[in-house]
Amino acid sequence: MLFDGWKSVLRIAIMSLLAYPFLIVLLRNFGKRSLTNINIFDFIITVTYGATLGSVITSDKVSFADGAMVLFMLSLMQYIVSKLSVNSKNFAQLIKAHPCFIYRNGEFIEENMQKYRIRKNDVRGKVRQQGLSSFEQVEAIVLEGDGSVSIIRKEEGLSQDALENVR
């Protein structure tokens, strides 16, 4: 059906005008965590925001109040989880992915590459993107907890304290 009457179109317009600004205010007040490189918990929350917003706008079975409560509760849960992960190392280890080496001391760490389904050609591309032409210039390559890749250049005499929590 292409057109079901102006009533549903008007409802969608009104719900869009209510729900979208509400979500913006909510995200603004609960911080930037939802908008950065995200871990799996943040990804789930973000996808659920979108699904909830879509349901509120398009479904006449979901009221604005219901949708607003869902969005508020999701934001509150995300806030609580992020506070707990900052204040409790054990909780953070439970919900956050750990960084791991995929290259170190001149060798690929095959076990980690297989575990996280990373191809050597993809790693080579990341090295080139950093302006490096040889792995001899690379001290280590780390797959970060958010899925990004960090390339540590070889530098004589520098401390490697940033690599302490990498497995």
N, C-alpha and C. Protein backbone atom coordinates (compact mmCIF):
# COMPACT_ATOMS: atom_id res chain seq x y z
N MET A 1 0.84 -1.17 0.00
CA MET A 1 0.00 0.00 0.00
C MET A 1 0.90 1.24 0.00
N LEU A 2 0.65 2.16 -0.88
CA LEU A 2 1.47 3.36 -0.99
C LEU A 2 1.00 4.49 -0.08
N PHE A 3 -0.29 4.57 0.18
CA PHE A 3 -0.81 5.67 0.99
C PHE A 3 -1.98 5.17 1.81
N ASP A 4 -1.90 5.39 3.13
CA ASP A 4 -2.94 4.87 4.02
C ASP A 4 -3.71 6.00 4.71
N GLY A 5 -3.57 7.18 4.22
CA GLY A 5 -4.30 8.31 4.79
C GLY A 5 -3.38 9.29 5.49
N TRP A 6 -3.87 10.48 5.66
CA TRP A 6 -3.08 11.55 6.26
C TRP A 6 -2.88 11.38 7.75
N LYS A 7 -3.74 10.62 8.41
CA LYS A 7 -3.62 10.44 9.86
C LYS A 7 -2.27 9.82 10.22
N SER A 8 -1.89 8.75 9.53
CA SER A 8 -0.62 8.09 9.83
C SER A 8 0.57 8.97 9.44
N VAL A 9 0.45 9.71 8.35
CA VAL A 9 1.53 10.60 7.92
C VAL A 9 1.73 11.71 8.96
N LEU A 10 0.63 12.27 9.46
CA LEU A 10 0.70 13.31 10.48
C LEU A 10 1.30 12.76 11.78
N ARG A 11 0.91 11.54 12.16
CA ARG A 11 1.46 10.92 13.37
C ARG A 11 2.97 10.75 13.25
N ILE A 12 3.43 10.27 12.10
CA ILE A 12 4.87 10.08 11.88
C ILE A 12 5.60 11.42 11.96
N ALA A 13 5.03 12.46 11.38
CA ALA A 13 5.66 13.78 11.43
C ALA A 13 5.75 14.28 12.87
N ILE A 14 4.68 14.14 13.62
CA ILE A 14 4.66 14.60 15.01
C ILE A 14 5.64 13.79 15.86
N MET A 15 5.62 12.46 15.71
CA MET A 15 6.52 11.61 16.50
C MET A 15 7.98 11.90 16.15
N SER A 16 8.26 12.17 14.88
CA SER A 16 9.62 12.53 14.48
C SER A 16 10.05 13.82 15.16
N LEU A 17 9.16 14.79 15.17
CA LEU A 17 9.47 16.08 15.80
C LEU A 17 9.66 15.96 17.31
N LEU A 18 9.03 14.98 17.94
CA LEU A 18 9.19 14.76 19.37
C LEU A 18 10.38 13.85 19.70
N ALA A 19 10.45 12.70 19.02
CA ALA A 19 11.41 11.66 19.39
C ALA A 19 12.85 12.01 19.03
N TYR A 20 13.06 12.56 17.85
CA TYR A 20 14.43 12.86 17.42
C TYR A 20 15.11 13.89 18.32
N PRO A 21 14.47 15.03 18.59
CA PRO A 21 15.11 15.98 19.53
C PRO A 21 15.30 15.38 20.92
N PHE A 22 14.36 14.55 21.35
CA PHE A 22 14.50 13.90 22.65
C PHE A 22 15.76 13.05 22.69
N LEU A 23 16.00 12.27 21.64
CA LEU A 23 17.19 11.43 21.58
C LEU A 23 18.46 12.28 21.56
N ILE A 24 18.44 13.37 20.83
CA ILE A 24 19.61 14.26 20.78
C ILE A 24 19.93 14.82 22.16
N VAL A 25 18.90 15.29 22.86
CA VAL A 25 19.10 15.83 24.22
C VAL A 25 19.63 14.74 25.14
N LEU A 26 19.07 13.55 25.03
CA LEU A 26 19.49 12.43 25.87
C LEU A 26 20.96 12.09 25.63
N LEU A 27 21.35 11.96 24.36
CA LEU A 27 22.74 11.64 24.04
C LEU A 27 23.69 12.76 24.46
N ARG A 28 23.26 13.99 24.32
CA ARG A 28 24.07 15.13 24.74
C ARG A 28 24.33 15.08 26.25
N ASN A 29 23.29 14.74 27.01
CA ASN A 29 23.40 14.75 28.47
C ASN A 29 24.11 13.53 29.04
N PHE A 30 24.09 12.42 28.33
CA PHE A 30 24.74 11.22 28.84
C PHE A 30 26.15 11.06 28.31
N GLY A 31 26.64 12.02 27.55
CA GLY A 31 28.04 12.00 27.15
C GLY A 31 28.27 11.52 25.74
N LYS A 32 29.55 11.48 25.40
CA LYS A 32 29.98 11.18 24.04
C LYS A 32 30.23 9.70 23.80
N ARG A 33 30.11 8.87 24.80
CA ARG A 33 30.46 7.45 24.65
C ARG A 33 29.73 6.79 23.50
N SER A 34 28.51 7.17 23.23
CA SER A 34 27.73 6.54 22.18
C SER A 34 28.24 6.89 20.79
N LEU A 35 29.10 7.89 20.69
CA LEU A 35 29.48 8.41 19.40
C LEU A 35 30.95 8.17 19.05
N THR A 36 31.70 7.49 19.90
CA THR A 36 33.12 7.25 19.67
C THR A 36 33.33 5.85 19.11
N ASN A 37 34.61 5.46 18.95
CA ASN A 37 34.88 4.05 18.64
C ASN A 37 34.26 3.24 19.75
N ILE A 38 33.48 2.25 19.40
CA ILE A 38 32.64 1.64 20.41
C ILE A 38 32.96 0.17 20.64
N ASN A 39 32.75 -0.25 21.89
CA ASN A 39 32.86 -1.66 22.22
C ASN A 39 31.51 -2.32 21.96
N ILE A 40 31.41 -3.60 22.21
CA ILE A 40 30.21 -4.35 21.86
C ILE A 40 28.99 -3.87 22.65
N PHE A 41 29.17 -3.53 23.93
CA PHE A 41 28.05 -3.04 24.72
C PHE A 41 27.52 -1.73 24.14
N ASP A 42 28.42 -0.81 23.82
CA ASP A 42 28.00 0.46 23.24
C ASP A 42 27.35 0.27 21.87
N PHE A 43 27.85 -0.69 21.10
CA PHE A 43 27.27 -0.99 19.80
C PHE A 43 25.82 -1.45 19.96
N ILE A 44 25.59 -2.35 20.90
CA ILE A 44 24.23 -2.85 21.14
C ILE A 44 23.30 -1.71 21.55
N ILE A 45 23.77 -0.86 22.44
CA ILE A 45 22.96 0.28 22.88
C ILE A 45 22.64 1.19 21.69
N THR A 46 23.64 1.48 20.86
CA THR A 46 23.45 2.39 19.73
C THR A 46 22.46 1.82 18.72
N VAL A 47 22.58 0.53 18.41
CA VAL A 47 21.63 -0.09 17.49
C VAL A 47 20.22 -0.06 18.07
N THR A 48 20.12 -0.31 19.38
CA THR A 48 18.82 -0.30 20.03
C THR A 48 18.22 1.10 20.04
N TYR A 49 19.06 2.13 20.19
CA TYR A 49 18.55 3.51 20.06
C TYR A 49 17.85 3.68 18.71
N GLY A 50 18.53 3.27 17.66
CA GLY A 50 17.98 3.43 16.31
C GLY A 50 16.69 2.65 16.12
N ALA A 51 16.68 1.41 16.60
CA ALA A 51 15.47 0.59 16.46
C ALA A 51 14.31 1.20 17.24
N THR A 52 14.60 1.68 18.44
CA THR A 52 13.55 2.29 19.26
C THR A 52 13.03 3.56 18.61
N LEU A 53 13.94 4.40 18.14
CA LEU A 53 13.53 5.64 17.49
C LEU A 53 12.66 5.33 16.27
N GLY A 54 13.08 4.34 15.48
CA GLY A 54 12.29 3.95 14.31
C GLY A 54 10.90 3.45 14.69
N SER A 55 10.82 2.67 15.74
CA SER A 55 9.52 2.16 16.19
C SER A 55 8.62 3.28 16.69
N VAL A 56 9.18 4.19 17.46
CA VAL A 56 8.39 5.30 17.99
C VAL A 56 7.83 6.15 16.84
N ILE A 57 8.66 6.38 15.85
CA ILE A 57 8.24 7.25 14.74
C ILE A 57 7.23 6.56 13.84
N THR A 58 7.42 5.28 13.54
CA THR A 58 6.60 4.64 12.51
C THR A 58 5.47 3.77 13.02
N SER A 59 5.51 3.33 14.26
CA SER A 59 4.48 2.40 14.75
C SER A 59 3.47 3.13 15.63
N ASP A 60 2.21 2.94 15.32
CA ASP A 60 1.17 3.55 16.15
C ASP A 60 0.93 2.74 17.42
N LYS A 61 1.62 1.62 17.56
CA LYS A 61 1.49 0.79 18.76
C LYS A 61 2.48 1.20 19.86
N VAL A 62 3.43 2.06 19.52
CA VAL A 62 4.43 2.51 20.48
C VAL A 62 4.23 4.01 20.72
N SER A 63 3.89 4.36 21.95
CA SER A 63 3.67 5.78 22.27
C SER A 63 5.00 6.49 22.46
N PHE A 64 4.94 7.81 22.39
CA PHE A 64 6.14 8.60 22.65
C PHE A 64 6.66 8.34 24.05
N ALA A 65 5.76 8.26 25.02
CA ALA A 65 6.17 8.03 26.42
C ALA A 65 6.88 6.68 26.55
N ASP A 66 6.36 5.65 25.89
CA ASP A 66 7.02 4.33 25.93
C ASP A 66 8.42 4.41 25.32
N GLY A 67 8.51 5.02 24.16
CA GLY A 67 9.81 5.15 23.50
C GLY A 67 10.78 5.99 24.30
N ALA A 68 10.29 7.08 24.87
CA ALA A 68 11.15 7.94 25.69
C ALA A 68 11.68 7.17 26.89
N MET A 69 10.83 6.35 27.50
CA MET A 69 11.27 5.55 28.66
C MET A 69 12.33 4.54 28.24
N VAL A 70 12.14 3.88 27.10
CA VAL A 70 13.14 2.93 26.61
C VAL A 70 14.47 3.65 26.38
N LEU A 71 14.43 4.77 25.69
CA LEU A 71 15.66 5.52 25.40
C LEU A 71 16.33 5.99 26.69
N PHE A 72 15.53 6.46 27.64
CA PHE A 72 16.09 6.91 28.91
C PHE A 72 16.73 5.74 29.66
N MET A 73 16.04 4.60 29.72
CA MET A 73 16.58 3.44 30.45
C MET A 73 17.85 2.92 29.79
N LEU A 74 17.89 2.88 28.45
CA LEU A 74 19.11 2.47 27.76
C LEU A 74 20.27 3.41 28.09
N SER A 75 20.00 4.70 28.08
CA SER A 75 21.04 5.68 28.40
C SER A 75 21.50 5.53 29.84
N LEU A 76 20.56 5.32 30.73
CA LEU A 76 20.90 5.13 32.15
C LEU A 76 21.75 3.87 32.34
N MET A 77 21.36 2.77 31.68
CA MET A 77 22.14 1.53 31.77
C MET A 77 23.54 1.74 31.23
N GLN A 78 23.65 2.43 30.11
CA GLN A 78 24.97 2.68 29.53
C GLN A 78 25.81 3.54 30.48
N TYR A 79 25.20 4.52 31.09
CA TYR A 79 25.90 5.38 32.04
C TYR A 79 26.40 4.57 33.24
N ILE A 80 25.54 3.72 33.78
CA ILE A 80 25.91 2.89 34.94
C ILE A 80 27.04 1.93 34.58
N VAL A 81 26.91 1.27 33.44
CA VAL A 81 27.95 0.33 33.01
C VAL A 81 29.28 1.06 32.79
N SER A 82 29.24 2.24 32.18
CA SER A 82 30.50 2.96 31.96
C SER A 82 31.11 3.42 33.27
N LYS A 83 30.29 3.86 34.23
CA LYS A 83 30.80 4.25 35.56
C LYS A 83 31.41 3.04 36.27
N LEU A 84 30.72 1.91 36.23
CA LEU A 84 31.24 0.70 36.87
C LEU A 84 32.56 0.27 36.23
N SER A 85 32.64 0.37 34.91
CA SER A 85 33.87 -0.07 34.24
C SER A 85 35.04 0.86 34.54
N VAL A 86 34.76 2.13 34.80
CA VAL A 86 35.82 3.07 35.18
C VAL A 86 36.27 2.82 36.62
N ASN A 87 35.33 2.49 37.49
CA ASN A 87 35.62 2.36 38.92
C ASN A 87 35.98 0.94 39.36
N SER A 88 35.74 -0.05 38.52
CA SER A 88 36.02 -1.43 38.89
C SER A 88 36.79 -2.13 37.78
N LYS A 89 38.04 -2.46 38.07
CA LYS A 89 38.87 -3.13 37.07
C LYS A 89 38.28 -4.49 36.69
N ASN A 90 37.76 -5.23 37.67
CA ASN A 90 37.16 -6.53 37.39
C ASN A 90 35.95 -6.41 36.47
N PHE A 91 35.10 -5.42 36.73
CA PHE A 91 33.93 -5.22 35.88
C PHE A 91 34.35 -4.83 34.47
N ALA A 92 35.34 -3.95 34.37
CA ALA A 92 35.83 -3.52 33.06
C ALA A 92 36.36 -4.70 32.26
N GLN A 93 37.09 -5.61 32.93
CA GLN A 93 37.62 -6.78 32.24
C GLN A 93 36.50 -7.71 31.78
N LEU A 94 35.40 -7.71 32.51
CA LEU A 94 34.27 -8.55 32.15
C LEU A 94 33.58 -8.08 30.88
N ILE A 95 33.43 -6.78 30.70
CA ILE A 95 32.64 -6.29 29.57
C ILE A 95 33.46 -5.72 28.41
N LYS A 96 34.73 -5.44 28.61
CA LYS A 96 35.53 -4.81 27.56
C LYS A 96 36.47 -5.82 26.93
N ALA A 97 36.65 -5.69 25.63
CA ALA A 97 37.62 -6.52 24.93
C ALA A 97 39.02 -6.00 25.24
N HIS A 98 39.97 -6.89 25.37
CA HIS A 98 41.34 -6.53 25.70
C HIS A 98 42.14 -6.32 24.41
N PRO A 99 43.09 -5.40 24.44
CA PRO A 99 43.97 -5.27 23.28
C PRO A 99 44.89 -6.48 23.20
N CYS A 100 45.28 -6.83 21.98
CA CYS A 100 46.20 -7.96 21.82
C CYS A 100 47.17 -7.67 20.68
N PHE A 101 48.33 -8.28 20.79
CA PHE A 101 49.33 -8.14 19.74
C PHE A 101 48.93 -8.98 18.54
N ILE A 102 49.09 -8.39 17.35
CA ILE A 102 48.98 -9.20 16.14
C ILE A 102 50.33 -9.25 15.42
N TYR A 103 51.27 -8.42 15.89
CA TYR A 103 52.64 -8.44 15.38
C TYR A 103 53.54 -7.90 16.49
N ARG A 104 54.64 -8.62 16.75
CA ARG A 104 55.58 -8.15 17.77
C ARG A 104 56.93 -8.84 17.56
N ASN A 105 57.98 -8.10 17.81
CA ASN A 105 59.35 -8.62 17.70
C ASN A 105 59.62 -9.26 16.35
N GLY A 106 59.12 -8.63 15.29
CA GLY A 106 59.41 -9.11 13.95
C GLY A 106 58.57 -10.29 13.49
N GLU A 107 57.56 -10.67 14.26
CA GLU A 107 56.74 -11.84 13.89
C GLU A 107 55.25 -11.56 14.05
N PHE A 108 54.47 -12.12 13.13
CA PHE A 108 53.03 -12.09 13.28
C PHE A 108 52.63 -13.06 14.40
N ILE A 109 51.67 -12.70 15.19
CA ILE A 109 51.16 -13.58 16.24
C ILE A 109 49.98 -14.34 15.63
N GLU A 110 50.30 -15.49 15.03
CA GLU A 110 49.33 -16.26 14.25
C GLU A 110 48.08 -16.62 15.05
N GLU A 111 48.28 -16.99 16.31
CA GLU A 111 47.15 -17.39 17.15
C GLU A 111 46.11 -16.26 17.25
N ASN A 112 46.58 -15.05 17.50
CA ASN A 112 45.66 -13.91 17.61
C ASN A 112 45.06 -13.53 16.26
N MET A 113 45.86 -13.65 15.21
CA MET A 113 45.35 -13.32 13.88
C MET A 113 44.23 -14.28 13.47
N GLN A 114 44.40 -15.56 13.78
CA GLN A 114 43.35 -16.53 13.46
C GLN A 114 42.13 -16.32 14.35
N LYS A 115 42.37 -16.08 15.63
CA LYS A 115 41.27 -15.89 16.58
C LYS A 115 40.37 -14.72 16.17
N TYR A 116 40.99 -13.63 15.69
CA TYR A 116 40.23 -12.43 15.34
C TYR A 116 40.04 -12.26 13.83
N ARG A 117 40.38 -13.30 13.07
CA ARG A 117 40.16 -13.35 11.62
C ARG A 117 40.79 -12.15 10.89
N ILE A 118 42.08 -11.97 11.14
CA ILE A 118 42.82 -10.87 10.52
C ILE A 118 43.79 -11.45 9.51
N ARG A 119 43.79 -10.89 8.31
CA ARG A 119 44.69 -11.35 7.26
C ARG A 119 45.96 -10.51 7.23
N LYS A 120 47.06 -11.14 6.87
CA LYS A 120 48.34 -10.42 6.79
C LYS A 120 48.27 -9.27 5.80
N ASN A 121 47.56 -9.45 4.69
CA ASN A 121 47.45 -8.38 3.71
C ASN A 121 46.74 -7.15 4.29
N ASP A 122 45.76 -7.38 5.17
CA ASP A 122 45.09 -6.25 5.82
C ASP A 122 46.06 -5.50 6.74
N VAL A 123 46.90 -6.26 7.43
CA VAL A 123 47.89 -5.65 8.32
C VAL A 123 48.91 -4.86 7.50
N ARG A 124 49.34 -5.44 6.39
CA ARG A 124 50.29 -4.72 5.51
C ARG A 124 49.69 -3.38 5.06
N GLY A 125 48.42 -3.40 4.73
CA GLY A 125 47.74 -2.16 4.33
C GLY A 125 47.74 -1.13 5.43
N LYS A 126 47.52 -1.56 6.66
CA LYS A 126 47.54 -0.64 7.81
C LYS A 126 48.94 -0.04 8.00
N VAL A 127 49.95 -0.86 7.80
CA VAL A 127 51.33 -0.38 7.93
C VAL A 127 51.60 0.68 6.86
N ARG A 128 51.18 0.42 5.63
CA ARG A 128 51.37 1.40 4.55
C ARG A 128 50.62 2.70 4.84
N GLN A 129 49.42 2.58 5.41
CA GLN A 129 48.64 3.79 5.73
C GLN A 129 49.37 4.68 6.74
N GLN A 130 50.25 4.09 7.52
CA GLN A 130 51.04 4.87 8.48
C GLN A 130 52.31 5.45 7.84
N GLY A 131 52.45 5.24 6.53
CA GLY A 131 53.60 5.79 5.83
C GLY A 131 54.86 4.96 5.99
N LEU A 132 54.70 3.71 6.39
CA LEU A 132 55.85 2.83 6.59
C LEU A 132 55.97 1.89 5.41
N SER A 133 57.20 1.61 5.02
CA SER A 133 57.42 0.74 3.86
C SER A 133 57.94 -0.64 4.24
N SER A 134 58.28 -0.82 5.52
CA SER A 134 58.86 -2.08 5.94
C SER A 134 58.45 -2.41 7.37
N PHE A 135 58.30 -3.69 7.64
CA PHE A 135 58.01 -4.14 9.00
C PHE A 135 59.22 -3.94 9.91
N GLU A 136 60.40 -3.70 9.33
CA GLU A 136 61.58 -3.40 10.13
C GLU A 136 61.40 -2.09 10.90
N GLN A 137 60.47 -1.26 10.45
CA GLN A 137 60.18 0.02 11.12
C GLN A 137 59.12 -0.13 12.22
N VAL A 138 58.59 -1.35 12.36
CA VAL A 138 57.47 -1.58 13.27
C VAL A 138 57.92 -2.36 14.50
N GLU A 139 57.65 -1.82 15.66
CA GLU A 139 57.92 -2.51 16.93
C GLU A 139 56.80 -3.51 17.22
N ALA A 140 55.56 -3.03 17.09
CA ALA A 140 54.41 -3.88 17.41
C ALA A 140 53.17 -3.36 16.69
N ILE A 141 52.22 -4.27 16.48
CA ILE A 141 50.91 -3.90 15.97
C ILE A 141 49.89 -4.48 16.94
N VAL A 142 48.99 -3.62 17.39
CA VAL A 142 48.02 -4.00 18.42
C VAL A 142 46.61 -3.89 17.87
N LEU A 143 45.83 -4.96 18.06
CA LEU A 143 44.39 -4.90 17.80
C LEU A 143 43.75 -4.40 19.08
N GLU A 144 43.21 -3.18 19.04
CA GLU A 144 42.65 -2.56 20.24
C GLU A 144 41.29 -3.16 20.57
N GLY A 145 40.83 -2.91 21.78
CA GLY A 145 39.56 -3.45 22.24
C GLY A 145 38.37 -2.99 21.42
N ASP A 146 38.48 -1.84 20.76
CA ASP A 146 37.37 -1.33 19.95
C ASP A 146 37.46 -1.78 18.50
N GLY A 147 38.46 -2.62 18.18
CA GLY A 147 38.60 -3.14 16.82
C GLY A 147 39.56 -2.34 15.95
N SER A 148 40.01 -1.20 16.42
CA SER A 148 40.97 -0.42 15.64
C SER A 148 42.36 -1.04 15.78
N VAL A 149 43.25 -0.65 14.89
CA VAL A 149 44.61 -1.19 14.89
C VAL A 149 45.58 -0.06 15.18
N SER A 150 46.48 -0.28 16.13
CA SER A 150 47.53 0.69 16.46
C SER A 150 48.88 0.13 16.02
N ILE A 151 49.64 0.97 15.35
CA ILE A 151 50.97 0.57 14.89
C ILE A 151 52.00 1.35 15.69
N ILE A 152 52.86 0.62 16.39
CA ILE A 152 53.90 1.22 17.22
C ILE A 152 55.21 1.17 16.44
N ARG A 153 55.74 2.34 16.15
CA ARG A 153 57.01 2.42 15.40
C ARG A 153 58.19 2.11 16.31
N LYS A 154 59.24 1.56 15.70
CA LYS A 154 60.47 1.31 16.46
C LYS A 154 61.14 2.64 16.75
N GLU A 155 61.47 2.84 18.00
CA GLU A 155 62.18 4.05 18.42
C GLU A 155 63.20 3.61 19.46
N GLU A 156 64.44 3.95 19.25
CA GLU A 156 65.51 3.56 20.16
C GLU A 156 65.36 4.24 21.53
N GLY A 157 65.52 3.46 22.59
CA GLY A 157 65.60 4.00 23.93
C GLY A 157 64.31 4.50 24.56
N LEU A 158 63.18 4.29 23.92
CA LEU A 158 61.92 4.75 24.50
C LEU A 158 61.27 3.66 25.34
N SER A 159 60.60 4.07 26.39
CA SER A 159 59.85 3.14 27.24
C SER A 159 58.67 2.57 26.46
N GLN A 160 58.27 1.37 26.82
CA GLN A 160 57.12 0.75 26.18
C GLN A 160 55.98 0.56 27.17
N ASP A 161 55.82 1.51 28.08
CA ASP A 161 54.80 1.37 29.12
C ASP A 161 53.37 1.38 28.57
N ALA A 162 53.15 1.91 27.38
CA ALA A 162 51.81 1.89 26.79
C ALA A 162 51.40 0.48 26.36
N LEU A 163 52.36 -0.44 26.31
CA LEU A 163 52.07 -1.81 25.87
C LEU A 163 51.85 -2.76 27.05
N GLU A 164 51.85 -2.25 28.27
CA GLU A 164 51.78 -3.11 29.45
C GLU A 164 50.53 -3.98 29.53
N ASN A 165 49.37 -3.47 29.11
CA ASN A 165 48.13 -4.24 29.25
C ASN A 165 47.76 -5.03 28.00
N VAL A 166 48.67 -5.12 27.04
CA VAL A 166 48.40 -5.83 25.79
C VAL A 166 48.78 -7.29 25.95
N ARG A 167 47.92 -8.16 25.48
CA ARG A 167 48.17 -9.60 25.60
C ARG A 167 48.80 -10.16 24.36
